[in-house]
Amino acid sequence: MNKTLREKSYTALCCLFGTAALCALTARAGAVEDAPPTKTVKYDDLDITKPAGAKTLYRRIQAAAVEVCPVLMSRKLELLPIEHRCIEQAIDAAVRSVNAPALTQLRAGGQVRLASK
């Protein structure tokens, strides 16, 4: 992946996580005044064309989604789906923005396999 594409991917990830966080925050009372949190997920140290690199990036994206989505401090079980939906949407958006087949396959629930010769 060249440097320009990588920089565009970082920017897209940051914007997508910010958007997902903003959507989730607007569901909370008083969230309008809060600035939406963002999380940049870096992966320039990974080769995401290989299964190990894709899995590592996927775990980083999952962790970032958990960080940017609000934890609702309530014991009301009906509020848990809001947090879960935020996390899932943030992961989906990040995976789409990276647009790497191995990462997309992981998100779809498949195992990443090496191509046979």
PDB file of N, CA and C in Angstrom:
ATOM      1  N   MET A   1       0.859  -1.163   0.000  1.00  0.00           N
ATOM      2  CA  MET A   1       0.000   0.000   0.000  1.00  0.00           C
ATOM      3  C   MET A   1       0.910   1.232   0.000  1.00  0.00           C
ATOM      4  N   ASN A   2       0.670   2.154  -0.930  1.00  0.00           N
ATOM      5  CA  ASN A   2       1.535   3.317  -0.969  1.00  0.00           C
ATOM      6  C   ASN A   2       1.161   4.316   0.119  1.00  0.00           C
ATOM      7  N   LYS A   3       2.063   5.268   0.328  1.00  0.00           N
ATOM      8  CA  LYS A   3       1.909   6.201   1.442  1.00  0.00           C
ATOM      9  C   LYS A   3       0.656   7.074   1.311  1.00  0.00           C
ATOM     10  N   THR A   4       0.347   7.536   0.103  1.00  0.00           N
ATOM     11  CA  THR A   4      -0.821   8.381  -0.096  1.00  0.00           C
ATOM     12  C   THR A   4      -2.100   7.625   0.235  1.00  0.00           C
ATOM     13  N   LEU A   5      -2.211   6.391  -0.224  1.00  0.00           N
ATOM     14  CA  LEU A   5      -3.386   5.585   0.082  1.00  0.00           C
ATOM     15  C   LEU A   5      -3.501   5.331   1.575  1.00  0.00           C
ATOM     16  N   ARG A   6      -2.380   5.082   2.220  1.00  0.00           N
ATOM     17  CA  ARG A   6      -2.369   4.837   3.662  1.00  0.00           C
ATOM     18  C   ARG A   6      -2.838   6.085   4.410  1.00  0.00           C
ATOM     19  N   GLU A   7      -2.363   7.261   3.999  1.00  0.00           N
ATOM     20  CA  GLU A   7      -2.778   8.497   4.662  1.00  0.00           C
ATOM     21  C   GLU A   7      -4.273   8.742   4.473  1.00  0.00           C
ATOM     22  N   LYS A   8      -4.795   8.452   3.281  1.00  0.00           N
ATOM     23  CA  LYS A   8      -6.228   8.595   3.040  1.00  0.00           C
ATOM     24  C   LYS A   8      -7.019   7.630   3.916  1.00  0.00           C
ATOM     25  N   SER A   9      -6.477   6.424   4.086  1.00  0.00           N
ATOM     26  CA  SER A   9      -7.157   5.436   4.928  1.00  0.00           C
ATOM     27  C   SER A   9      -7.208   5.911   6.376  1.00  0.00           C
ATOM     28  N   TYR A  10      -6.107   6.474   6.875  1.00  0.00           N
ATOM     29  CA  TYR A  10      -6.090   6.988   8.253  1.00  0.00           C
ATOM     30  C   TYR A  10      -7.142   8.073   8.420  1.00  0.00           C
ATOM     31  N   THR A  11      -7.199   8.981   7.458  1.00  0.00           N
ATOM     32  CA  THR A  11      -8.159  10.072   7.536  1.00  0.00           C
ATOM     33  C   THR A  11      -9.590   9.535   7.509  1.00  0.00           C
ATOM     34  N   ALA A  12      -9.838   8.572   6.633  1.00  0.00           N
ATOM     35  CA  ALA A  12     -11.182   7.987   6.536  1.00  0.00           C
ATOM     36  C   ALA A  12     -11.562   7.286   7.835  1.00  0.00           C
ATOM     37  N   LEU A  13     -10.624   6.535   8.415  1.00  0.00           N
ATOM     38  CA  LEU A  13     -10.915   5.840   9.668  1.00  0.00           C
ATOM     39  C   LEU A  13     -11.251   6.824  10.776  1.00  0.00           C
ATOM     40  N   CYS A  14     -10.486   7.881  10.861  1.00  0.00           N
ATOM     41  CA  CYS A  14     -10.711   8.885  11.896  1.00  0.00           C
ATOM     42  C   CYS A  14     -12.090   9.519  11.730  1.00  0.00           C
ATOM     43  N   CYS A  15     -12.435   9.871  10.502  1.00  0.00           N
ATOM     44  CA  CYS A  15     -13.743  10.477  10.247  1.00  0.00           C
ATOM     45  C   CYS A  15     -14.879   9.507  10.540  1.00  0.00           C
ATOM     46  N   LEU A  16     -14.699   8.249  10.150  1.00  0.00           N
ATOM     47  CA  LEU A  16     -15.761   7.268  10.361  1.00  0.00           C
ATOM     48  C   LEU A  16     -15.989   6.981  11.835  1.00  0.00           C
ATOM     49  N   PHE A  17     -14.911   6.855  12.598  1.00  0.00           N
ATOM     50  CA  PHE A  17     -15.082   6.622  14.026  1.00  0.00           C
ATOM     51  C   PHE A  17     -15.731   7.845  14.682  1.00  0.00           C
ATOM     52  N   GLY A  18     -15.340   9.025  14.230  1.00  0.00           N
ATOM     53  CA  GLY A  18     -15.954  10.234  14.775  1.00  0.00           C
ATOM     54  C   GLY A  18     -17.437  10.304  14.463  1.00  0.00           C
ATOM     55  N   THR A  19     -17.801   9.933  13.249  1.00  0.00           N
ATOM     56  CA  THR A  19     -19.210   9.929  12.851  1.00  0.00           C
ATOM     57  C   THR A  19     -20.001   8.908  13.657  1.00  0.00           C
ATOM     58  N   ALA A  20     -19.447   7.714  13.801  1.00  0.00           N
ATOM     59  CA  ALA A  20     -20.138   6.677  14.578  1.00  0.00           C
ATOM     60  C   ALA A  20     -20.326   7.127  16.020  1.00  0.00           C
ATOM     61  N   ALA A  21     -19.298   7.736  16.566  1.00  0.00           N
ATOM     62  CA  ALA A  21     -19.393   8.204  17.945  1.00  0.00           C
ATOM     63  C   ALA A  21     -20.434   9.313  18.069  1.00  0.00           C
ATOM     64  N   LEU A  22     -20.471  10.210  17.084  1.00  0.00           N
ATOM     65  CA  LEU A  22     -21.442  11.302  17.113  1.00  0.00           C
ATOM     66  C   LEU A  22     -22.869  10.762  17.060  1.00  0.00           C
ATOM     67  N   CYS A  23     -23.100   9.771  16.212  1.00  0.00           N
ATOM     68  CA  CYS A  23     -24.444   9.176  16.123  1.00  0.00           C
ATOM     69  C   CYS A  23     -24.856   8.574  17.452  1.00  0.00           C
ATOM     70  N   ALA A  24     -23.940   7.893  18.096  1.00  0.00           N
ATOM     71  CA  ALA A  24     -24.264   7.264  19.372  1.00  0.00           C
ATOM     72  C   ALA A  24     -24.457   8.305  20.469  1.00  0.00           C
ATOM     73  N   LEU A  25     -23.658   9.346  20.427  1.00  0.00           N
ATOM     74  CA  LEU A  25     -23.754  10.368  21.466  1.00  0.00           C
ATOM     75  C   LEU A  25     -25.046  11.160  21.373  1.00  0.00           C
ATOM     76  N   THR A  26     -25.568  11.340  20.176  1.00  0.00           N
ATOM     77  CA  THR A  26     -26.805  12.106  20.058  1.00  0.00           C
ATOM     78  C   THR A  26     -27.984  11.365  20.675  1.00  0.00           C
ATOM     79  N   ALA A  27     -27.846  10.063  20.861  1.00  0.00           N
ATOM     80  CA  ALA A  27     -28.912   9.293  21.508  1.00  0.00           C
ATOM     81  C   ALA A  27     -28.958   9.555  23.017  1.00  0.00           C
ATOM     82  N   ARG A  28     -27.859  10.016  23.558  1.00  0.00           N
ATOM     83  CA  ARG A  28     -27.820  10.307  24.989  1.00  0.00           C
ATOM     84  C   ARG A  28     -28.315  11.719  25.265  1.00  0.00           C
ATOM     85  N   ALA A  29     -28.899  11.915  26.401  1.00  0.00           N
ATOM     86  CA  ALA A  29     -29.337  13.259  26.785  1.00  0.00           C
ATOM     87  C   ALA A  29     -28.120  14.127  27.057  1.00  0.00           C
ATOM     88  N   GLY A  30     -28.134  15.319  26.528  1.00  0.00           N
ATOM     89  CA  GLY A  30     -27.048  16.248  26.782  1.00  0.00           C
ATOM     90  C   GLY A  30     -25.818  16.015  25.937  1.00  0.00           C
ATOM     91  N   ALA A  31     -25.879  15.130  24.996  1.00  0.00           N
ATOM     92  CA  ALA A  31     -24.693  14.806  24.208  1.00  0.00           C
ATOM     93  C   ALA A  31     -24.397  15.855  23.149  1.00  0.00           C
ATOM     94  N   VAL A  32     -25.318  16.745  22.886  1.00  0.00           N
ATOM     95  CA  VAL A  32     -25.130  17.736  21.845  1.00  0.00           C
ATOM     96  C   VAL A  32     -23.933  18.633  22.139  1.00  0.00           C
ATOM     97  N   GLU A  33     -23.693  18.944  23.407  1.00  0.00           N
ATOM     98  CA  GLU A  33     -22.588  19.824  23.755  1.00  0.00           C
ATOM     99  C   GLU A  33     -21.235  19.130  23.656  1.00  0.00           C
ATOM    100  N   ASP A  34     -21.203  17.820  23.757  1.00  0.00           N
ATOM    101  CA  ASP A  34     -19.950  17.072  23.737  1.00  0.00           C
ATOM    102  C   ASP A  34     -19.389  16.988  22.327  1.00  0.00           C
ATOM    103  N   ALA A  35     -18.066  17.129  22.211  1.00  0.00           N
ATOM    104  CA  ALA A  35     -17.414  16.896  20.930  1.00  0.00           C
ATOM    105  C   ALA A  35     -17.283  15.388  20.738  1.00  0.00           C
ATOM    106  N   PRO A  36     -17.555  14.901  19.539  1.00  0.00           N
ATOM    107  CA  PRO A  36     -17.472  13.458  19.340  1.00  0.00           C
ATOM    108  C   PRO A  36     -16.030  12.970  19.443  1.00  0.00           C
ATOM    109  N   PRO A  37     -15.806  11.902  20.175  1.00  0.00           N
ATOM    110  CA  PRO A  37     -14.444  11.377  20.278  1.00  0.00           C
ATOM    111  C   PRO A  37     -14.062  10.651  18.997  1.00  0.00           C
ATOM    112  N   THR A  38     -12.799  10.649  18.707  1.00  0.00           N
ATOM    113  CA  THR A  38     -12.289   9.926  17.542  1.00  0.00           C
ATOM    114  C   THR A  38     -11.094   9.088  17.968  1.00  0.00           C
ATOM    115  N   LYS A  39     -10.782   8.130  17.166  1.00  0.00           N
ATOM    116  CA  LYS A  39      -9.644   7.258  17.437  1.00  0.00           C
ATOM    117  C   LYS A  39      -9.013   6.912  16.100  1.00  0.00           C
ATOM    118  N   THR A  40      -7.754   7.233  15.936  1.00  0.00           N
ATOM    119  CA  THR A  40      -7.024   6.868  14.738  1.00  0.00           C
ATOM    120  C   THR A  40      -6.414   5.496  14.940  1.00  0.00           C
ATOM    121  N   VAL A  41      -6.651   4.625  13.990  1.00  0.00           N
ATOM    122  CA  VAL A  41      -6.097   3.278  14.046  1.00  0.00           C
ATOM    123  C   VAL A  41      -4.965   3.206  13.035  1.00  0.00           C
ATOM    124  N   LYS A  42      -3.770   3.060  13.525  1.00  0.00           N
ATOM    125  CA  LYS A  42      -2.604   3.005  12.641  1.00  0.00           C
ATOM    126  C   LYS A  42      -2.285   1.553  12.312  1.00  0.00           C
ATOM    127  N   TYR A  43      -1.892   1.357  11.072  1.00  0.00           N
ATOM    128  CA  TYR A  43      -1.525   0.001  10.667  1.00  0.00           C
ATOM    129  C   TYR A  43      -0.389  -0.013   9.653  1.00  0.00           C
ATOM    130  N   ASP A  44       0.396   1.051   9.645  1.00  0.00           N
ATOM    131  CA  ASP A  44       1.517   1.090   8.708  1.00  0.00           C
ATOM    132  C   ASP A  44       2.600   0.063   9.052  1.00  0.00           C
ATOM    133  N   ASP A  45       2.545  -0.485  10.250  1.00  0.00           N
ATOM    134  CA  ASP A  45       3.500  -1.515  10.655  1.00  0.00           C
ATOM    135  C   ASP A  45       3.030  -2.912  10.276  1.00  0.00           C
ATOM    136  N   LEU A  46       1.850  -3.021   9.652  1.00  0.00           N
ATOM    137  CA  LEU A  46       1.258  -4.322   9.337  1.00  0.00           C
ATOM    138  C   LEU A  46       1.197  -4.556   7.833  1.00  0.00           C
ATOM    139  N   ASP A  47       1.301  -5.800   7.441  1.00  0.00           N
ATOM    140  CA  ASP A  47       1.036  -6.196   6.061  1.00  0.00           C
ATOM    141  C   ASP A  47      -0.352  -6.812   6.063  1.00  0.00           C
ATOM    142  N   ILE A  48      -1.352  -6.009   5.732  1.00  0.00           N
ATOM    143  CA  ILE A  48      -2.733  -6.466   5.846  1.00  0.00           C
ATOM    144  C   ILE A  48      -3.156  -7.362   4.690  1.00  0.00           C
ATOM    145  N   THR A  49      -2.238  -7.668   3.794  1.00  0.00           N
ATOM    146  CA  THR A  49      -2.534  -8.654   2.754  1.00  0.00           C
ATOM    147  C   THR A  49      -2.295 -10.065   3.276  1.00  0.00           C
ATOM    148  N   LYS A  50      -1.658 -10.157   4.422  1.00  0.00           N
ATOM    149  CA  LYS A  50      -1.389 -11.455   5.052  1.00  0.00           C
ATOM    150  C   LYS A  50      -2.360 -11.659   6.213  1.00  0.00           C
ATOM    151  N   PRO A  51      -2.743 -12.902   6.490  1.00  0.00           N
ATOM    152  CA  PRO A  51      -3.715 -13.179   7.550  1.00  0.00           C
ATOM    153  C   PRO A  51      -3.332 -12.596   8.917  1.00  0.00           C
ATOM    154  N   ALA A  52      -2.081 -12.724   9.301  1.00  0.00           N
ATOM    155  CA  ALA A  52      -1.674 -12.226  10.621  1.00  0.00           C
ATOM    156  C   ALA A  52      -1.839 -10.710  10.712  1.00  0.00           C
ATOM    157  N   GLY A  53      -1.478  -9.998   9.662  1.00  0.00           N
ATOM    158  CA  GLY A  53      -1.617  -8.542   9.658  1.00  0.00           C
ATOM    159  C   GLY A  53      -3.072  -8.115   9.681  1.00  0.00           C
ATOM    160  N   ALA A  54      -3.909  -8.799   8.906  1.00  0.00           N
ATOM    161  CA  ALA A  54      -5.337  -8.479   8.870  1.00  0.00           C
ATOM    162  C   ALA A  54      -5.975  -8.732  10.233  1.00  0.00           C
ATOM    163  N   LYS A  55      -5.620  -9.827  10.881  1.00  0.00           N
ATOM    164  CA  LYS A  55      -6.185 -10.139  12.198  1.00  0.00           C
ATOM    165  C   LYS A  55      -5.762  -9.101  13.233  1.00  0.00           C
ATOM    166  N   THR A  56      -4.508  -8.683  13.172  1.00  0.00           N
ATOM    167  CA  THR A  56      -4.026  -7.668  14.114  1.00  0.00           C
ATOM    168  C   THR A  56      -4.765  -6.351  13.909  1.00  0.00           C
ATOM    169  N   LEU A  57      -4.926  -5.939  12.658  1.00  0.00           N
ATOM    170  CA  LEU A  57      -5.653  -4.698  12.378  1.00  0.00           C
ATOM    171  C   LEU A  57      -7.105  -4.818  12.821  1.00  0.00           C
ATOM    172  N   TYR A  58      -7.730  -5.952  12.600  1.00  0.00           N
ATOM    173  CA  TYR A  58      -9.119  -6.145  13.012  1.00  0.00           C
ATOM    174  C   TYR A  58      -9.259  -5.990  14.527  1.00  0.00           C
ATOM    175  N   ARG A  59      -8.324  -6.561  15.273  1.00  0.00           N
ATOM    176  CA  ARG A  59      -8.367  -6.413  16.738  1.00  0.00           C
ATOM    177  C   ARG A  59      -8.181  -4.948  17.142  1.00  0.00           C
ATOM    178  N   ARG A  60      -7.311  -4.230  16.443  1.00  0.00           N
ATOM    179  CA  ARG A  60      -7.113  -2.808  16.744  1.00  0.00           C
ATOM    180  C   ARG A  60      -8.384  -2.015  16.461  1.00  0.00           C
ATOM    181  N   ILE A  61      -9.048  -2.318  15.353  1.00  0.00           N
ATOM    182  CA  ILE A  61     -10.293  -1.632  15.007  1.00  0.00           C
ATOM    183  C   ILE A  61     -11.364  -1.921  16.055  1.00  0.00           C
ATOM    184  N   GLN A  62     -11.470  -3.172  16.488  1.00  0.00           N
ATOM    185  CA  GLN A  62     -12.450  -3.522  17.527  1.00  0.00           C
ATOM    186  C   GLN A  62     -12.178  -2.732  18.810  1.00  0.00           C
ATOM    187  N   ALA A  63     -10.924  -2.671  19.215  1.00  0.00           N
ATOM    188  CA  ALA A  63     -10.575  -1.953  20.441  1.00  0.00           C
ATOM    189  C   ALA A  63     -10.890  -0.463  20.316  1.00  0.00           C
ATOM    190  N   ALA A  64     -10.604   0.122  19.161  1.00  0.00           N
ATOM    191  CA  ALA A  64     -10.888   1.539  18.949  1.00  0.00           C
ATOM    192  C   ALA A  64     -12.388   1.807  18.971  1.00  0.00           C
ATOM    193  N   ALA A  65     -13.170   0.907  18.389  1.00  0.00           N
ATOM    194  CA  ALA A  65     -14.625   1.080  18.383  1.00  0.00           C
ATOM    195  C   ALA A  65     -15.182   1.061  19.800  1.00  0.00           C
ATOM    196  N   VAL A  66     -14.654   0.184  20.633  1.00  0.00           N
ATOM    197  CA  VAL A  66     -15.098   0.119  22.030  1.00  0.00           C
ATOM    198  C   VAL A  66     -14.738   1.416  22.751  1.00  0.00           C
ATOM    199  N   GLU A  67     -13.572   1.976  22.409  1.00  0.00           N
ATOM    200  CA  GLU A  67     -13.143   3.223  23.058  1.00  0.00           C
ATOM    201  C   GLU A  67     -14.002   4.416  22.654  1.00  0.00           C
ATOM    202  N   VAL A  68     -14.380   4.522  21.375  1.00  0.00           N
ATOM    203  CA  VAL A  68     -15.102   5.721  20.933  1.00  0.00           C
ATOM    204  C   VAL A  68     -16.596   5.657  21.197  1.00  0.00           C
ATOM    205  N   CYS A  69     -17.132   4.469  21.315  1.00  0.00           N
ATOM    206  CA  CYS A  69     -18.567   4.357  21.580  1.00  0.00           C
ATOM    207  C   CYS A  69     -18.829   4.531  23.068  1.00  0.00           C
ATOM    208  N   PRO A  70     -19.854   5.288  23.402  1.00  0.00           N
ATOM    209  CA  PRO A  70     -20.091   5.590  24.812  1.00  0.00           C
ATOM    210  C   PRO A  70     -20.517   4.361  25.610  1.00  0.00           C
ATOM    211  N   VAL A  71     -20.016   4.298  26.796  1.00  0.00           N
ATOM    212  CA  VAL A  71     -20.461   3.260  27.722  1.00  0.00           C
ATOM    213  C   VAL A  71     -21.591   3.883  28.522  1.00  0.00           C
ATOM    214  N   LEU A  72     -22.749   3.339  28.352  1.00  0.00           N
ATOM    215  CA  LEU A  72     -23.917   3.882  29.032  1.00  0.00           C
ATOM    216  C   LEU A  72     -23.927   3.383  30.470  1.00  0.00           C
ATOM    217  N   MET A  73     -23.810   4.287  31.378  1.00  0.00           N
ATOM    218  CA  MET A  73     -23.734   3.933  32.797  1.00  0.00           C
ATOM    219  C   MET A  73     -25.148   3.772  33.352  1.00  0.00           C
ATOM    220  N   SER A  74     -25.803   2.766  32.892  1.00  0.00           N
ATOM    221  CA  SER A  74     -27.164   2.507  33.322  1.00  0.00           C
ATOM    222  C   SER A  74     -27.342   1.014  33.503  1.00  0.00           C
ATOM    223  N   ARG A  75     -28.237   0.664  34.365  1.00  0.00           N
ATOM    224  CA  ARG A  75     -28.536  -0.752  34.556  1.00  0.00           C
ATOM    225  C   ARG A  75     -29.724  -1.187  33.708  1.00  0.00           C
ATOM    226  N   LYS A  76     -30.199  -0.306  32.876  1.00  0.00           N
ATOM    227  CA  LYS A  76     -31.324  -0.638  32.018  1.00  0.00           C
ATOM    228  C   LYS A  76     -30.820  -1.447  30.825  1.00  0.00           C
ATOM    229  N   LEU A  77     -31.259  -2.676  30.745  1.00  0.00           N
ATOM    230  CA  LEU A  77     -30.795  -3.566  29.697  1.00  0.00           C
ATOM    231  C   LEU A  77     -31.181  -3.100  28.300  1.00  0.00           C
ATOM    232  N   GLU A  78     -32.254  -2.333  28.196  1.00  0.00           N
ATOM    233  CA  GLU A  78     -32.676  -1.875  26.873  1.00  0.00           C
ATOM    234  C   GLU A  78     -31.699  -0.870  26.258  1.00  0.00           C
ATOM    235  N   LEU A  79     -30.797  -0.303  27.056  1.00  0.00           N
ATOM    236  CA  LEU A  79     -29.805   0.635  26.528  1.00  0.00           C
ATOM    237  C   LEU A  79     -28.561  -0.053  25.982  1.00  0.00           C
ATOM    238  N   LEU A  80     -28.343  -1.306  26.331  1.00  0.00           N
ATOM    239  CA  LEU A  80     -27.169  -2.021  25.844  1.00  0.00           C
ATOM    240  C   LEU A  80     -27.114  -2.148  24.321  1.00  0.00           C
ATOM    241  N   PRO A  81     -28.223  -2.343  23.642  1.00  0.00           N
ATOM    242  CA  PRO A  81     -28.147  -2.431  22.173  1.00  0.00           C
ATOM    243  C   PRO A  81     -27.633  -1.155  21.506  1.00  0.00           C
ATOM    244  N   ILE A  82     -27.826  -0.009  22.135  1.00  0.00           N
ATOM    245  CA  ILE A  82     -27.335   1.252  21.576  1.00  0.00           C
ATOM    246  C   ILE A  82     -25.815   1.223  21.511  1.00  0.00           C
ATOM    247  N   GLU A  83     -25.192   0.808  22.600  1.00  0.00           N
ATOM    248  CA  GLU A  83     -23.735   0.718  22.621  1.00  0.00           C
ATOM    249  C   GLU A  83     -23.249  -0.337  21.631  1.00  0.00           C
ATOM    250  N   HIS A  84     -23.885  -1.476  21.621  1.00  0.00           N
ATOM    251  CA  HIS A  84     -23.485  -2.560  20.722  1.00  0.00           C
ATOM    252  C   HIS A  84     -23.603  -2.116  19.262  1.00  0.00           C
ATOM    253  N   ARG A  85     -24.695  -1.446  18.923  1.00  0.00           N
ATOM    254  CA  ARG A  85     -24.900  -0.969  17.551  1.00  0.00           C
ATOM    255  C   ARG A  85     -23.824   0.035  17.160  1.00  0.00           C
ATOM    256  N   CYS A  86     -23.455   0.922  18.060  1.00  0.00           N
ATOM    257  CA  CYS A  86     -22.394   1.897  17.800  1.00  0.00           C
ATOM    258  C   CYS A  86     -21.084   1.181  17.477  1.00  0.00           C
ATOM    259  N   ILE A  87     -20.744   0.204  18.288  1.00  0.00           N
ATOM    260  CA  ILE A  87     -19.493  -0.542  18.088  1.00  0.00           C
ATOM    261  C   ILE A  87     -19.511  -1.262  16.745  1.00  0.00           C
ATOM    262  N   GLU A  88     -20.608  -1.937  16.458  1.00  0.00           N
ATOM    263  CA  GLU A  88     -20.706  -2.688  15.198  1.00  0.00           C
ATOM    264  C   GLU A  88     -20.641  -1.758  13.987  1.00  0.00           C
ATOM    265  N   GLN A  89     -21.305  -0.608  14.060  1.00  0.00           N
ATOM    266  CA  GLN A  89     -21.280   0.337  12.945  1.00  0.00           C
ATOM    267  C   GLN A  89     -19.895   0.938  12.756  1.00  0.00           C
ATOM    268  N   ALA A  90     -19.207   1.217  13.851  1.00  0.00           N
ATOM    269  CA  ALA A  90     -17.861   1.764  13.757  1.00  0.00           C
ATOM    270  C   ALA A  90     -16.909   0.744  13.122  1.00  0.00           C
ATOM    271  N   ILE A  91     -17.025  -0.515  13.526  1.00  0.00           N
ATOM    272  CA  ILE A  91     -16.174  -1.563  12.949  1.00  0.00           C
ATOM    273  C   ILE A  91     -16.484  -1.715  11.459  1.00  0.00           C
ATOM    274  N   ASP A  92     -17.762  -1.778  11.116  1.00  0.00           N
ATOM    275  CA  ASP A  92     -18.144  -1.911   9.707  1.00  0.00           C
ATOM    276  C   ASP A  92     -17.578  -0.773   8.864  1.00  0.00           C
ATOM    277  N   ALA A  93     -17.731   0.438   9.354  1.00  0.00           N
ATOM    278  CA  ALA A  93     -17.255   1.607   8.606  1.00  0.00           C
ATOM    279  C   ALA A  93     -15.739   1.582   8.441  1.00  0.00           C
ATOM    280  N   ALA A  94     -15.027   1.217   9.483  1.00  0.00           N
ATOM    281  CA  ALA A  94     -13.569   1.178   9.405  1.00  0.00           C
ATOM    282  C   ALA A  94     -13.100   0.099   8.435  1.00  0.00           C
ATOM    283  N   VAL A  95     -13.713  -1.061   8.496  1.00  0.00           N
ATOM    284  CA  VAL A  95     -13.330  -2.154   7.591  1.00  0.00           C
ATOM    285  C   VAL A  95     -13.609  -1.756   6.145  1.00  0.00           C
ATOM    286  N   ARG A  96     -14.757  -1.124   5.904  1.00  0.00           N
ATOM    287  CA  ARG A  96     -15.068  -0.665   4.543  1.00  0.00           C
ATOM    288  C   ARG A  96     -14.052   0.361   4.058  1.00  0.00           C
ATOM    289  N   SER A  97     -13.651   1.262   4.937  1.00  0.00           N
ATOM    290  CA  SER A  97     -12.736   2.320   4.500  1.00  0.00           C
ATOM    291  C   SER A  97     -11.339   1.794   4.194  1.00  0.00           C
ATOM    292  N   VAL A  98     -10.911   0.754   4.888  1.00  0.00           N
ATOM    293  CA  VAL A  98      -9.596   0.171   4.592  1.00  0.00           C
ATOM    294  C   VAL A  98      -9.655  -0.577   3.263  1.00  0.00           C
ATOM    295  N   ASN A  99     -10.788  -1.236   2.999  1.00  0.00           N
ATOM    296  CA  ASN A  99     -11.024  -1.920   1.730  1.00  0.00           C
ATOM    297  C   ASN A  99      -9.934  -2.947   1.414  1.00  0.00           C
ATOM    298  N   ALA A 100      -9.661  -3.811   2.371  1.00  0.00           N
ATOM    299  CA  ALA A 100      -8.696  -4.892   2.182  1.00  0.00           C
ATOM    300  C   ALA A 100      -9.454  -6.214   2.225  1.00  0.00           C
ATOM    301  N   PRO A 101      -9.300  -7.047   1.210  1.00  0.00           N
ATOM    302  CA  PRO A 101     -10.060  -8.300   1.154  1.00  0.00           C
ATOM    303  C   PRO A 101      -9.922  -9.177   2.402  1.00  0.00           C
ATOM    304  N   ALA A 102      -8.719  -9.315   2.937  1.00  0.00           N
ATOM    305  CA  ALA A 102      -8.532 -10.170   4.115  1.00  0.00           C
ATOM    306  C   ALA A 102      -9.279  -9.603   5.318  1.00  0.00           C
ATOM    307  N   LEU A 103      -9.275  -8.286   5.472  1.00  0.00           N
ATOM    308  CA  LEU A 103      -9.969  -7.648   6.591  1.00  0.00           C
ATOM    309  C   LEU A 103     -11.489  -7.773   6.421  1.00  0.00           C
ATOM    310  N   THR A 104     -11.962  -7.575   5.201  1.00  0.00           N
ATOM    311  CA  THR A 104     -13.383  -7.714   4.917  1.00  0.00           C
ATOM    312  C   THR A 104     -13.852  -9.144   5.188  1.00  0.00           C
ATOM    313  N   GLN A 105     -13.031 -10.101   4.835  1.00  0.00           N
ATOM    314  CA  GLN A 105     -13.378 -11.503   5.078  1.00  0.00           C
ATOM    315  C   GLN A 105     -13.470 -11.790   6.577  1.00  0.00           C
ATOM    316  N   LEU A 106     -12.573 -11.212   7.360  1.00  0.00           N
ATOM    317  CA  LEU A 106     -12.640 -11.375   8.816  1.00  0.00           C
ATOM    318  C   LEU A 106     -13.939 -10.784   9.358  1.00  0.00           C
ATOM    319  N   ARG A 107     -14.313  -9.623   8.885  1.00  0.00           N
ATOM    320  CA  ARG A 107     -15.526  -8.961   9.367  1.00  0.00           C
ATOM    321  C   ARG A 107     -16.764  -9.781   9.019  1.00  0.00           C
ATOM    322  N   ALA A 108     -16.717 -10.437   7.872  1.00  0.00           N
ATOM    323  CA  ALA A 108     -17.852 -11.250   7.453  1.00  0.00           C
ATOM    324  C   ALA A 108     -17.935 -12.565   8.225  1.00  0.00           C
ATOM    325  N   GLY A 109     -16.966 -12.806   9.092  1.00  0.00           N
ATOM    326  CA  GLY A 109     -16.997 -14.005   9.899  1.00  0.00           C
ATOM    327  C   GLY A 109     -16.231 -15.168   9.322  1.00  0.00           C
ATOM    328  N   GLY A 110     -15.529 -14.915   8.233  1.00  0.00           N
ATOM    329  CA  GLY A 110     -14.758 -15.981   7.610  1.00  0.00           C
ATOM    330  C   GLY A 110     -13.347 -16.045   8.156  1.00  0.00           C
ATOM    331  N   GLN A 111     -12.705 -17.137   7.869  1.00  0.00           N
ATOM    332  CA  GLN A 111     -11.305 -17.292   8.228  1.00  0.00           C
ATOM    333  C   GLN A 111     -10.462 -16.786   7.065  1.00  0.00           C
ATOM    334  N   VAL A 112      -9.373 -16.111   7.396  1.00  0.00           N
ATOM    335  CA  VAL A 112      -8.465 -15.636   6.350  1.00  0.00           C
ATOM    336  C   VAL A 112      -7.556 -16.802   6.001  1.00  0.00           C
ATOM    337  N   ARG A 113      -7.532 -17.126   4.715  1.00  0.00           N
ATOM    338  CA  ARG A 113      -6.702 -18.230   4.258  1.00  0.00           C
ATOM    339  C   ARG A 113      -5.682 -17.704   3.250  1.00  0.00           C
ATOM    340  N   LEU A 114      -4.552 -18.353   3.196  1.00  0.00           N
ATOM    341  CA  LEU A 114      -3.559 -18.025   2.206  1.00  0.00           C
ATOM    342  C   LEU A 114      -4.016 -18.581   0.858  1.00  0.00           C
ATOM    343  N   ALA A 115      -3.760 -17.841  -0.201  1.00  0.00           N
ATOM    344  CA  ALA A 115      -4.111 -18.327  -1.526  1.00  0.00           C
ATOM    345  C   ALA A 115      -3.223 -19.510  -1.883  1.00  0.00           C
ATOM    346  N   SER A 116      -3.825 -20.529  -2.469  1.00  0.00           N
ATOM    347  CA  SER A 116      -3.034 -21.701  -2.861  1.00  0.00           C
ATOM    348  C   SER A 116      -2.437 -21.456  -4.231  1.00  0.00           C
ATOM    349  N   LYS A 117      -1.294 -22.059  -4.427  1.00  0.00           N
ATOM    350  CA  LYS A 117      -0.580 -21.846  -5.706  1.00  0.00           C
ATOM    351  C   LYS A 117      -0.983 -22.866  -6.716  1.00  0.00           C
TER     352      LYS A 117
END
